[in-house]
Amino acid sequence: MKTLIKGGRILDPKNQIDEVADLFIADQKICGIGSTPGGFTADRILDAGDKIVCPGFVEIGCDLEGLSPDTFSVEQELRAATAGGFTVVSLLPISSANFEQLRSIGLEKKLSGEVKIKHLGSLTLEQKGEILSEMEALKATGCFGLATNGRSVINTSVLRNALAYASSLDLLILLDSHDAWLNDGGIMRSGPSSFMAGLAGVPNSSELIGLTRNLILVEEIGVRAHMRNLSVSESAELIAQYSGATVSSDVSISHLALCDENVDSCDPNFKVVPPLPTKTDQDVLLAQLSKGQIDILSSKHQPIAADYKSGTFESSKPGISGFDTFLPLMLRIADSGKITLPRLIEAATSAPAKAMGIDGGDLSINSKADICVFDPNLMWVADKENYKSLGQNNPLFGTTLKGKVTQTLLDGSIIYDYQKLTSLL
């Protein structure tokens, strides 16, 4: 099948392409941009007029622990990913289902061709922070890295030994940074907003203390590491001080689009870990992402079953379902003028691919045709009818949003087609 994506604005930050042009696909790969390749005759035309064509988004850490880890729920979340423009999704470890269990329900086979799945193993057994996982076996069965998935390894000796073991296998380590004692009992970001809401606060020092410990150990051991979910303005500056460490970092779309001043203490959908930042920190985080001091923009997709979000703010499980609203929030942030759309796309495509050590995230000639096509002006409502994720735990639920993915292509095949807009010849 040969496909012509016609007349779209092609944005490929890695190759510094930003132009209106045709894009040509043959044999699952991009075979031309601009001029028609010799002998090319399209079997299918995708009209991208007034749309943007960019690499498929790459998610470095998707957390499905808030849902039942069965085949149906995982498949549905990955359909939500493709509807959101994602072509690569890295699954964080689930404490109730280890990597072998996930493989045993047939994900690799059943989801082949729908989205490219990458697996992260648990740094310690059952994520309890006590006994090291069988890292060599995890790597042999397909894990490209290991993670703690929101949990802090309290015992520093255990963490150091885990990093040393992972380093010997050249595995990437994804770390969350906080101090377990300063986080204990905290609900939202400490400050005037938490005081007015009557909710216990988490101070910025919690992230900075946890991050300092992580960075010292990472530099000492020499392991490749990624610092997840930065939410404090000083964090990126702290990472820069450890020049001897090979470290990347990310910030979530929710933490750039929402802050503590937006929190409705009656709506548990605003509860997330780390807590939403202060407005001052949010502005600095956005500037740091713009300058490349923070590498990656993450959806931090964390769908939560309705039962876990039906209680009070304090008792509810933290997390925001991010796939469905990722693109419109990215466009909203770009419209603020504080960061360019090409930089946001770079942070969601080639930057995570580089950190993960995988191919993808660009539109290079002869690269796999993993592509997102979106209409930046299409208006839609994030309601039950339009929401793809099983987790409807998003504070924007019910809001009219601007910007919608219209097609997602994986290896040149259209795996998502909004209202089936593609024409076959």
Protein backbone atom coordinates (compact mmCIF):
# COMPACT_ATOMS: atom_id res chain seq x y z
CA MET A 1 0.00 0.00 0.00
CA LYS A 2 1.40 3.37 -1.08
CA THR A 3 0.05 6.40 0.75
CA LEU A 4 0.18 10.08 -0.09
CA ILE A 5 -0.34 12.52 2.79
CA LYS A 6 -1.24 15.59 0.78
CA GLY A 7 -0.75 19.26 1.52
CA GLY A 8 -0.15 19.25 5.27
CA ARG A 9 2.18 21.40 7.32
CA ILE A 10 5.00 18.99 8.04
CA LEU A 11 6.66 19.52 11.43
CA ASP A 12 9.72 17.37 12.06
CA PRO A 13 11.87 19.15 14.66
CA LYS A 14 14.68 16.58 14.59
CA ASN A 15 15.26 17.25 10.88
CA GLN A 16 14.35 20.95 11.18
CA ILE A 17 11.45 20.64 8.74
CA ASP A 18 8.55 23.08 8.97
CA GLU A 19 6.85 23.46 5.60
CA VAL A 20 3.65 22.73 3.71
CA ALA A 21 4.42 19.72 1.52
CA ASP A 22 3.31 16.27 0.45
CA LEU A 23 4.64 13.21 2.27
CA PHE A 24 4.99 9.84 0.53
CA ILE A 25 4.87 6.37 2.12
CA ALA A 26 5.77 3.03 0.55
CA ASP A 27 6.72 -0.34 2.06
CA GLN A 28 5.94 0.93 5.58
CA LYS A 29 8.53 3.70 5.28
CA ILE A 30 8.67 7.37 4.40
CA CYS A 31 10.04 7.51 0.87
CA GLY A 32 9.76 11.21 0.10
CA ILE A 33 8.81 14.68 1.28
CA GLY A 34 7.98 17.41 -1.21
CA SER A 35 8.84 15.97 -4.61
CA THR A 36 7.11 12.80 -5.81
CA PRO A 37 9.53 9.83 -5.77
CA GLY A 38 10.15 8.18 -9.12
CA GLY A 39 7.54 5.58 -10.00
CA PHE A 40 5.32 6.47 -7.05
CA THR A 41 1.57 6.07 -7.61
CA ALA A 42 -0.64 6.43 -4.53
CA ASP A 43 -3.11 3.72 -3.58
CA ARG A 44 -4.50 5.95 -0.87
CA ILE A 45 -4.66 9.72 -0.35
CA LEU A 46 -4.92 11.37 3.01
CA ASP A 47 -5.90 15.02 2.60
CA ALA A 48 -3.93 16.97 5.21
CA GLY A 49 -4.90 20.44 4.02
CA ASP A 50 -5.05 22.86 7.00
CA LYS A 51 -3.64 20.08 9.19
CA ILE A 52 -0.28 19.37 10.77
CA VAL A 53 1.75 16.24 10.04
CA CYS A 54 4.34 15.27 12.66
CA PRO A 55 6.05 12.16 14.04
CA GLY A 56 3.88 9.94 16.23
CA PHE A 57 4.12 10.85 19.90
CA VAL A 58 6.28 8.71 22.19
CA GLU A 59 5.22 8.14 25.82
CA ILE A 60 8.08 7.30 28.17
CA GLY A 61 5.92 6.16 31.09
CA CYS A 62 2.27 5.05 31.00
CA ASP A 63 0.84 3.92 34.35
CA LEU A 64 -2.10 1.49 34.19
CA GLU A 65 -2.04 0.40 37.83
CA GLY A 66 -5.29 2.23 38.57
CA LEU A 67 -7.16 -0.17 36.29
CA SER A 68 -7.55 -3.94 36.30
CA PRO A 69 -4.42 -5.24 34.48
CA ASP A 70 -6.40 -7.46 32.10
CA THR A 71 -6.27 -7.69 28.35
CA PHE A 72 -9.38 -5.59 27.74
CA SER A 73 -8.36 -2.59 29.84
CA VAL A 74 -4.80 -2.52 28.48
CA GLU A 75 -6.05 -2.79 24.90
CA GLN A 76 -8.54 0.03 25.47
CA GLU A 77 -5.88 2.32 26.92
CA LEU A 78 -3.61 1.69 23.96
CA ARG A 79 -6.50 2.51 21.62
CA ALA A 80 -6.79 5.77 23.55
CA ALA A 81 -3.08 6.25 22.92
CA THR A 82 -3.42 5.87 19.14
CA ALA A 83 -6.45 8.19 19.13
CA GLY A 84 -4.22 10.70 20.92
CA GLY A 85 -1.49 10.45 18.28
CA PHE A 86 0.87 8.12 20.17
CA THR A 87 2.69 5.40 18.23
CA VAL A 88 5.07 4.23 20.98
CA VAL A 89 3.97 3.64 24.58
CA SER A 90 6.24 2.52 27.39
CA LEU A 91 4.32 0.63 30.09
CA LEU A 92 5.40 1.19 33.69
CA PRO A 93 5.48 -1.87 35.97
CA ILE A 94 2.27 -2.81 37.77
CA SER A 95 2.72 -4.15 41.31
CA SER A 96 -0.26 -6.52 40.98
CA ALA A 97 0.97 -7.95 37.64
CA ASN A 98 4.62 -8.51 36.87
CA PHE A 99 6.13 -8.37 33.40
CA GLU A 100 5.73 -12.10 32.79
CA GLN A 101 2.03 -11.88 33.69
CA LEU A 102 1.52 -9.05 31.22
CA ARG A 103 3.19 -11.12 28.52
CA SER A 104 1.08 -14.14 29.47
CA ILE A 105 -2.19 -12.37 28.62
CA GLY A 106 -0.94 -12.03 25.07
CA LEU A 107 -0.24 -8.31 24.76
CA GLU A 108 2.70 -8.72 22.42
CA LYS A 109 0.63 -10.79 20.00
CA LYS A 110 -2.82 -9.23 20.32
CA LEU A 111 -1.65 -5.64 20.09
CA SER A 112 0.88 -6.13 17.33
CA GLY A 113 0.28 -3.51 14.65
CA GLU A 114 -1.90 -1.31 16.88
CA VAL A 115 0.80 0.47 18.85
CA LYS A 116 4.46 -0.16 19.59
CA ILE A 117 4.70 -1.30 23.19
CA LYS A 118 7.86 -0.97 25.24
CA HIS A 119 8.13 -2.54 28.67
CA LEU A 120 9.70 -1.32 31.90
CA GLY A 121 10.41 -3.80 34.67
CA SER A 122 10.24 -3.10 38.39
CA LEU A 123 13.47 -2.01 40.07
CA THR A 124 12.59 -4.09 43.15
CA LEU A 125 10.32 -7.07 43.63
CA GLU A 126 6.65 -6.02 43.74
CA GLN A 127 7.93 -2.42 43.95
CA LYS A 128 8.34 -2.79 47.71
CA GLY A 129 11.83 -1.30 47.72
CA GLU A 130 13.33 -4.24 49.61
CA ILE A 131 14.63 -6.98 47.29
CA LEU A 132 16.21 -6.40 43.88
CA SER A 133 14.29 -7.70 40.90
CA GLU A 134 15.73 -10.30 38.51
CA MET A 135 17.02 -7.60 36.18
CA GLU A 136 18.95 -9.88 33.85
CA ALA A 137 15.83 -12.00 33.26
CA LEU A 138 13.72 -8.88 32.72
CA LYS A 139 16.16 -7.60 30.11
CA ALA A 140 16.24 -10.99 28.39
CA THR A 141 12.45 -11.00 28.09
CA GLY A 142 12.25 -7.53 26.56
CA CYS A 143 12.45 -4.78 29.18
CA PHE A 144 14.52 -1.80 28.02
CA GLY A 145 14.65 -0.31 31.50
CA LEU A 146 13.42 -0.38 35.08
CA ALA A 147 11.25 1.95 37.14
CA THR A 148 9.88 2.59 40.60
CA ASN A 149 6.55 3.91 39.28
CA GLY A 150 5.86 6.66 41.79
CA ARG A 151 7.27 4.85 44.78
CA SER A 152 10.38 5.88 46.65
CA VAL A 153 12.99 3.25 47.54
CA ILE A 154 13.41 4.40 51.12
CA ASN A 155 16.46 2.25 51.87
CA THR A 156 19.34 4.07 50.20
CA SER A 157 21.56 0.99 50.31
CA VAL A 158 18.95 -1.01 48.38
CA LEU A 159 18.65 1.80 45.83
CA ARG A 160 22.42 2.01 45.37
CA ASN A 161 22.72 -1.75 44.86
CA ALA A 162 19.84 -1.70 42.39
CA LEU A 163 21.45 1.07 40.36
CA ALA A 164 24.76 -0.82 40.30
CA TYR A 165 23.06 -4.00 39.10
CA ALA A 166 21.16 -2.09 36.40
CA SER A 167 24.33 -0.31 35.29
CA SER A 168 26.10 -3.63 34.73
CA LEU A 169 23.30 -4.54 32.30
CA ASP A 170 23.15 -1.08 30.64
CA LEU A 171 19.49 -0.68 31.57
CA LEU A 172 17.83 2.73 31.74
CA ILE A 173 16.44 3.59 35.18
CA LEU A 174 13.35 5.78 35.58
CA LEU A 175 13.24 7.36 39.03
CA ASP A 176 10.60 9.35 40.87
CA SER A 177 12.06 11.88 43.28
CA HIS A 178 10.53 12.69 46.64
CA ASP A 179 11.20 12.30 50.33
CA ALA A 180 8.84 9.67 51.78
CA TRP A 181 8.48 11.45 55.11
CA LEU A 182 7.84 14.91 53.67
CA ASN A 183 5.29 13.40 51.27
CA ASP A 184 3.53 11.46 54.02
CA GLY A 185 -0.03 12.76 54.40
CA GLY A 186 0.40 15.48 51.76
CA ILE A 187 -2.46 16.02 49.32
CA MET A 188 -1.57 19.06 47.19
CA ARG A 189 1.27 21.53 46.76
CA SER A 190 2.12 23.33 49.99
CA GLY A 191 1.30 27.04 49.86
CA PRO A 192 -1.57 29.54 50.02
CA SER A 193 -3.78 27.36 47.81
CA SER A 194 -3.46 24.29 50.03
CA PHE A 195 -4.08 26.48 53.09
CA MET A 196 -7.24 27.95 51.57
CA ALA A 197 -8.44 24.49 50.51
CA GLY A 198 -7.78 23.07 53.95
CA LEU A 199 -5.66 20.26 52.48
CA ALA A 200 -2.31 19.05 53.77
CA GLY A 201 0.55 20.28 51.62
CA VAL A 202 3.65 18.68 50.10
CA PRO A 203 6.62 21.10 50.20
CA ASN A 204 8.94 21.65 47.25
CA SER A 205 11.78 20.42 49.43
CA SER A 206 10.41 16.88 49.19
CA GLU A 207 11.24 16.66 45.48
CA LEU A 208 14.57 18.43 45.84
CA ILE A 209 15.77 16.17 48.66
CA GLY A 210 14.73 13.02 46.82
CA LEU A 211 16.25 14.27 43.57
CA THR A 212 19.57 15.14 45.24
CA ARG A 213 19.87 11.62 46.65
CA ASN A 214 19.03 10.10 43.27
CA LEU A 215 21.53 12.26 41.40
CA ILE A 216 24.38 11.58 43.83
CA LEU A 217 23.89 7.84 43.44
CA VAL A 218 23.39 7.97 39.66
CA GLU A 219 26.60 9.95 39.17
CA GLU A 220 28.55 7.72 41.56
CA ILE A 221 27.37 4.48 39.93
CA GLY A 222 27.40 5.71 36.33
CA VAL A 223 23.97 4.32 35.43
CA ARG A 224 21.78 5.82 32.68
CA ALA A 225 18.85 7.48 34.41
CA HIS A 226 15.69 9.42 33.70
CA MET A 227 14.11 11.68 36.32
CA ARG A 228 10.34 11.56 36.00
CA ASN A 229 7.71 14.20 36.63
CA LEU A 230 9.67 17.30 37.59
CA SER A 231 7.35 19.74 39.34
CA VAL A 232 9.67 22.19 41.10
CA SER A 233 11.54 24.98 39.33
CA GLU A 234 14.88 24.23 41.03
CA SER A 235 14.88 20.57 39.93
CA ALA A 236 16.23 21.11 36.41
CA GLU A 237 18.92 23.43 37.77
CA LEU A 238 19.88 20.74 40.28
CA ILE A 239 20.19 18.12 37.51
CA ALA A 240 22.48 20.45 35.54
CA GLN A 241 24.91 20.57 38.48
CA TYR A 242 25.59 16.85 38.12
CA SER A 243 27.42 17.07 34.82
CA GLY A 244 29.02 13.67 35.36
CA ALA A 245 25.66 11.93 35.30
CA THR A 246 23.87 10.72 32.16
CA VAL A 247 20.41 11.99 33.00
CA SER A 248 17.28 13.00 31.10
CA SER A 249 14.09 14.42 32.60
CA ASP A 250 10.45 15.06 31.84
CA VAL A 251 7.54 17.23 32.90
CA SER A 252 3.92 16.22 32.42
CA ILE A 253 1.41 18.05 30.25
CA SER A 254 -0.91 18.38 33.26
CA HIS A 255 1.76 20.16 35.30
CA LEU A 256 2.29 22.71 32.51
CA ALA A 257 -1.43 23.26 31.87
CA LEU A 258 -2.69 23.28 35.48
CA CYS A 259 -1.32 24.64 38.75
CA ASP A 260 -2.29 24.67 42.42
CA GLU A 261 -4.50 27.73 41.87
CA ASN A 262 -6.72 25.66 39.54
CA VAL A 263 -7.35 22.92 42.11
CA ASP A 264 -10.98 22.39 43.12
CA SER A 265 -10.82 20.63 46.49
CA CYS A 266 -14.21 19.05 45.73
CA ASP A 267 -12.92 17.44 42.53
CA PRO A 268 -10.56 14.47 43.11
CA ASN A 269 -9.54 14.59 39.44
CA PHE A 270 -7.12 17.37 40.37
CA LYS A 271 -5.25 15.02 42.69
CA VAL A 272 -1.99 13.83 41.17
CA VAL A 273 1.50 12.84 42.35
CA PRO A 274 3.61 14.90 42.36
CA PRO A 275 1.04 17.60 43.21
CA LEU A 276 0.33 20.31 40.66
CA PRO A 277 2.97 23.06 40.95
CA THR A 278 2.61 26.64 42.06
CA LYS A 279 1.99 29.15 39.27
CA THR A 280 5.53 30.52 39.70
CA ASP A 281 7.08 27.06 39.40
CA GLN A 282 4.84 26.25 36.43
CA ASP A 283 6.08 29.27 34.49
CA VAL A 284 9.71 28.33 35.17
CA LEU A 285 9.13 24.68 34.21
CA LEU A 286 7.66 25.81 30.91
CA ALA A 287 10.66 28.05 30.25
CA GLN A 288 13.01 25.19 31.10
CA LEU A 289 11.24 22.86 28.68
CA SER A 290 11.46 25.58 26.02
CA LYS A 291 15.22 25.91 26.52
CA GLY A 292 15.82 22.16 26.61
CA GLN A 293 16.80 22.16 30.29
CA ILE A 294 13.95 19.66 30.66
CA ASP A 295 14.08 17.15 27.82
CA ILE A 296 10.70 15.49 27.52
CA LEU A 297 6.99 16.31 27.61
CA SER A 298 5.00 13.39 28.99
CA SER A 299 1.27 12.68 28.96
CA LYS A 300 1.75 11.01 32.37
CA HIS A 301 -1.25 8.91 31.40
CA GLN A 302 -2.64 7.42 34.59
CA PRO A 303 -6.24 6.21 34.19
CA ILE A 304 -8.04 5.43 37.44
CA ALA A 305 -11.14 3.28 37.87
CA ALA A 306 -14.20 5.32 38.86
CA ASP A 307 -14.44 3.66 42.30
CA TYR A 308 -11.03 5.01 43.24
CA LYS A 309 -12.04 8.57 42.31
CA SER A 310 -15.55 8.58 43.78
CA GLY A 311 -14.60 9.54 47.33
CA THR A 312 -13.19 12.71 48.84
CA PHE A 313 -10.13 14.51 47.55
CA GLU A 314 -8.12 13.10 50.46
CA SER A 315 -9.22 9.47 50.03
CA SER A 316 -9.12 9.25 46.24
CA LYS A 317 -6.31 7.61 44.28
CA PRO A 318 -4.04 10.17 42.56
CA GLY A 319 -3.75 10.33 38.79
CA ILE A 320 -4.91 12.10 35.62
CA SER A 321 -5.84 10.30 32.40
CA GLY A 322 -3.74 12.14 29.85
CA PHE A 323 -3.86 10.53 26.39
CA ASP A 324 -7.15 12.04 25.20
CA THR A 325 -6.32 15.63 26.14
CA PHE A 326 -2.58 15.61 25.37
CA LEU A 327 -2.77 17.30 21.97
CA PRO A 328 -5.30 20.05 22.82
CA LEU A 329 -3.35 20.93 25.97
CA MET A 330 -0.13 21.02 23.95
CA LEU A 331 -1.77 23.42 21.49
CA ARG A 332 -3.14 25.54 24.33
CA ILE A 333 0.35 25.86 25.80
CA ALA A 334 1.79 26.75 22.38
CA ASP A 335 -0.88 29.43 21.97
CA SER A 336 0.39 31.07 25.16
CA GLY A 337 3.47 32.17 23.21
CA LYS A 338 5.82 30.94 25.95
CA ILE A 339 7.04 27.96 23.93
CA THR A 340 6.88 27.05 20.27
CA LEU A 341 4.84 24.20 18.85
CA PRO A 342 7.92 22.64 17.18
CA ARG A 343 9.72 22.49 20.53
CA LEU A 344 6.68 20.85 22.17
CA ILE A 345 6.51 18.28 19.37
CA GLU A 346 10.24 17.60 19.70
CA ALA A 347 9.79 17.05 23.45
CA ALA A 348 7.02 14.53 22.74
CA THR A 349 8.71 12.67 19.87
CA SER A 350 12.46 12.56 19.21
CA ALA A 351 13.44 13.49 22.78
CA PRO A 352 11.74 10.53 24.51
CA ALA A 353 12.89 8.19 21.71
CA LYS A 354 16.48 9.31 22.33
CA ALA A 355 16.19 8.85 26.09
CA MET A 356 14.72 5.37 25.64
CA GLY A 357 17.38 4.42 23.10
CA ILE A 358 14.89 3.46 20.39
CA ASP A 359 14.30 4.38 16.77
CA GLY A 360 11.47 6.79 16.01
CA GLY A 361 10.27 10.26 16.76
CA ASP A 362 11.14 11.73 13.36
CA LEU A 363 10.13 11.77 9.69
CA SER A 364 13.47 10.91 8.14
CA ILE A 365 13.51 9.36 4.68
CA ASN A 366 13.53 5.53 4.97
CA SER A 367 12.37 5.68 8.59
CA LYS A 368 9.26 3.78 9.67
CA ALA A 369 6.14 5.80 8.87
CA ASP A 370 4.92 6.36 12.43
CA ILE A 371 2.95 9.56 11.97
CA CYS A 372 0.39 11.78 13.69
CA VAL A 373 -1.91 14.01 11.62
CA PHE A 374 -3.99 16.55 13.51
CA ASP A 375 -6.39 19.43 12.95
CA PRO A 376 -5.29 22.28 15.25
CA ASN A 377 -8.65 24.05 14.93
CA LEU A 378 -11.15 21.20 15.33
CA MET A 379 -13.36 21.72 18.39
CA TRP A 380 -14.58 18.79 20.46
CA VAL A 381 -15.91 18.02 23.93
CA ALA A 382 -14.08 15.69 26.30
CA ASP A 383 -17.19 13.71 27.29
CA LYS A 384 -18.09 10.02 27.54
CA GLU A 385 -18.94 9.84 23.85
CA ASN A 386 -15.60 11.24 22.69
CA TYR A 387 -13.28 10.00 25.45
CA LYS A 388 -11.35 6.85 24.55
CA SER A 389 -9.68 6.04 27.88
CA LEU A 390 -11.50 3.88 30.41
CA GLY A 391 -10.22 6.30 33.03
CA GLN A 392 -12.26 9.48 32.82
CA ASN A 393 -10.29 10.97 35.68
CA ASN A 394 -9.40 14.26 34.05
CA PRO A 395 -10.32 17.68 35.47
CA LEU A 396 -11.04 18.84 31.90
CA PHE A 397 -13.78 16.24 31.44
CA GLY A 398 -16.84 18.00 30.00
CA THR A 399 -14.75 20.87 28.62
CA THR A 400 -14.75 22.02 24.98
CA LEU A 401 -11.21 21.64 23.63
CA LYS A 402 -9.43 22.83 20.49
CA GLY A 403 -7.30 20.45 18.46
CA LYS A 404 -7.93 16.83 17.48
CA VAL A 405 -5.86 13.98 16.07
CA THR A 406 -7.47 12.94 12.78
CA GLN A 407 -5.17 10.08 11.76
CA THR A 408 -2.44 8.01 13.38
CA LEU A 409 -0.23 5.84 11.18
CA LEU A 410 1.99 3.01 12.35
CA ASP A 411 4.46 1.54 9.85
CA GLY A 412 2.44 3.30 7.16
CA SER A 413 -0.88 1.72 8.15
CA ILE A 414 -3.69 3.93 9.42
CA ILE A 415 -4.50 2.61 12.90
CA TYR A 416 -6.77 5.51 13.86
CA ASP A 417 -8.93 7.52 11.47
CA TYR A 418 -11.24 10.12 12.97
CA GLN A 419 -14.60 9.94 11.14
CA LYS A 420 -12.75 7.89 8.45
CA LEU A 421 -11.54 10.88 6.46
CA THR A 422 -9.02 8.95 4.33
CA SER A 423 -9.89 8.15 0.71
CA LEU A 424 -8.84 5.02 -1.20
CA LEU A 425 -8.20 5.35 -4.91
